[in-house]
Protein backbone atom coordinates (compact mmCIF):
# COMPACT_ATOMS: atom_id res chain seq x y z
CA MET A 1 20.07 -48.88 108.67
CA ASP A 2 20.53 -47.35 111.87
CA ARG A 3 23.73 -45.28 110.53
CA HIS A 4 21.71 -43.51 108.07
CA PHE A 5 18.63 -42.51 110.41
CA LYS A 6 18.25 -41.68 114.08
CA ILE A 7 14.81 -41.98 115.48
CA HIS A 8 13.50 -40.46 118.69
CA GLU A 9 10.52 -39.60 120.12
CA LYS A 10 9.39 -36.50 122.30
CA HIS A 11 6.22 -36.29 123.82
CA ALA A 12 4.59 -39.03 121.42
CA ILE A 13 6.01 -37.43 118.46
CA LEU A 14 8.09 -39.56 116.41
CA THR A 15 11.42 -37.55 114.71
CA VAL A 16 13.28 -39.46 111.85
CA GLU A 17 16.61 -37.68 111.39
CA VAL A 18 17.75 -38.55 107.82
CA LEU A 19 21.93 -38.67 108.35
CA VAL A 20 22.54 -39.45 104.69
CA ASP A 21 23.67 -36.36 102.29
CA LYS A 22 21.85 -38.17 99.29
CA PHE A 23 18.39 -39.47 99.87
CA ASP A 24 17.11 -41.10 96.72
CA PHE A 25 15.62 -43.74 95.03
CA LEU A 26 18.63 -46.47 95.72
CA GLU A 27 18.89 -44.92 99.26
CA LEU A 28 14.86 -45.76 99.75
CA SER A 29 15.04 -49.09 98.38
CA GLU A 30 17.58 -50.49 101.16
CA SER A 31 15.51 -48.30 103.97
CA SER A 32 11.92 -48.16 102.91
CA ARG A 33 11.12 -51.55 104.84
CA TYR A 34 13.14 -50.32 108.29
CA LEU A 35 11.18 -46.85 108.01
CA ARG A 36 7.82 -48.55 107.26
CA ASN A 37 8.61 -51.12 110.13
CA ILE A 38 9.38 -48.18 113.04
CA LEU A 39 6.18 -46.37 111.71
CA GLU A 40 3.79 -49.30 111.52
CA LYS A 41 4.86 -50.69 115.04
CA ARG A 42 4.14 -46.91 116.20
CA ASN A 43 0.78 -47.28 114.66
CA TYR A 44 1.75 -44.15 111.67
CA PRO A 45 2.40 -41.60 114.83
CA THR A 46 2.74 -37.87 113.97
CA THR A 47 6.49 -37.75 112.83
CA ILE A 48 8.83 -35.14 111.86
CA PHE A 49 11.10 -36.25 109.04
CA ASP A 50 14.47 -34.27 109.55
CA LEU A 51 16.00 -33.48 105.97
CA GLN A 52 18.43 -31.16 107.38
CA ARG A 53 21.44 -32.98 106.45
CA VAL A 54 20.05 -33.83 102.73
CA GLY A 55 21.59 -32.02 100.13
CA PHE A 56 20.17 -34.07 97.10
CA ILE A 57 16.74 -35.73 97.09
CA ASP A 58 14.72 -37.29 94.43
CA SER A 59 10.78 -37.72 93.32
CA SER A 60 11.18 -41.15 94.85
CA VAL A 61 11.66 -40.10 98.43
CA PHE A 62 8.69 -37.48 98.29
CA GLY A 63 6.50 -40.78 96.79
CA PHE A 64 7.34 -42.50 99.77
CA LEU A 65 6.84 -39.36 102.05
CA LEU A 66 3.17 -38.90 100.61
CA GLU A 67 2.27 -42.26 100.95
CA ILE A 68 3.28 -42.17 104.96
CA HIS A 69 1.44 -39.18 105.31
CA ASN A 70 -1.93 -40.68 103.96
CA MET A 71 -1.19 -43.49 106.13
CA ALA A 72 -0.74 -41.13 109.63
CA LYS A 73 -3.24 -38.92 108.16
CA LYS A 74 -5.77 -41.88 108.18
CA LYS A 75 -4.88 -42.62 111.89
CA GLY A 76 -5.83 -38.74 112.89
CA ASN A 77 -1.85 -37.89 112.73
CA LYS A 78 0.67 -35.59 110.84
CA ILE A 79 3.67 -35.40 108.59
CA VAL A 80 5.82 -32.60 108.70
CA ILE A 81 9.24 -31.81 106.99
CA VAL A 82 12.27 -30.02 108.51
CA CYS A 83 14.43 -28.89 105.72
CA ALA A 84 16.29 -25.42 104.87
CA ASP A 85 18.14 -26.74 101.81
CA LYS A 86 17.43 -24.52 98.80
CA THR A 87 18.16 -27.45 96.13
CA VAL A 88 15.91 -29.64 97.90
CA LEU A 89 13.19 -26.98 98.61
CA HIS A 90 13.39 -26.28 94.70
CA VAL A 91 12.61 -30.35 94.16
CA MET A 92 9.84 -30.09 96.89
CA ALA A 93 8.13 -26.73 95.20
CA MET A 94 8.37 -28.50 91.77
CA LEU A 95 6.57 -31.59 93.25
CA THR A 96 4.17 -29.51 95.09
CA VAL A 97 5.00 -31.25 98.24
CA PRO A 98 4.53 -28.16 100.48
CA GLU A 99 0.83 -27.91 99.68
CA ILE A 100 0.25 -31.45 101.05
CA ILE A 101 2.87 -31.57 103.88
CA LYS A 102 3.88 -28.92 105.82
CA VAL A 103 7.69 -27.66 105.62
CA PHE A 104 9.66 -25.51 108.05
CA PRO A 105 13.22 -24.50 108.04
CA THR A 106 13.99 -25.73 111.78
CA ILE A 107 13.06 -28.53 114.14
CA GLU A 108 12.01 -25.54 116.85
CA GLU A 109 9.51 -24.42 114.29
CA ALA A 110 7.91 -27.98 113.43
CA GLU A 111 7.76 -28.87 116.91
CA GLY A 112 6.08 -25.25 117.59
CA TYR A 113 3.47 -26.16 114.59
CA LEU A 114 2.83 -29.86 116.74
CA ASN A 115 2.70 -28.03 119.86
CA ILE A 116 5.68 -29.61 121.21
CA LYS A 117 7.04 -27.89 124.39
């Protein structure tokens, strides 16, 4: 799983950088336990999901992200997404994801929103 994700922390904010181009049900079925363990061990912290390398995504990933969003929210934390790919943003818009989880085109904008300096 390490080759599919890069995990790092900065000022108590976790960043999950997705390193695969295709983030779909198949990828998620293999990696969801890994990601859940990381988030659970840290008590579902405020997290940036960096999807900048993702060119294809499906609704199962957004279901997963919404689940993580709800867990983090219960802990008083936030989940944000970084993505600039037009196709992925279109899928997000169709599923109304940006109405629930904030989406930013760059890491810097997401960090600014989360007050990371």
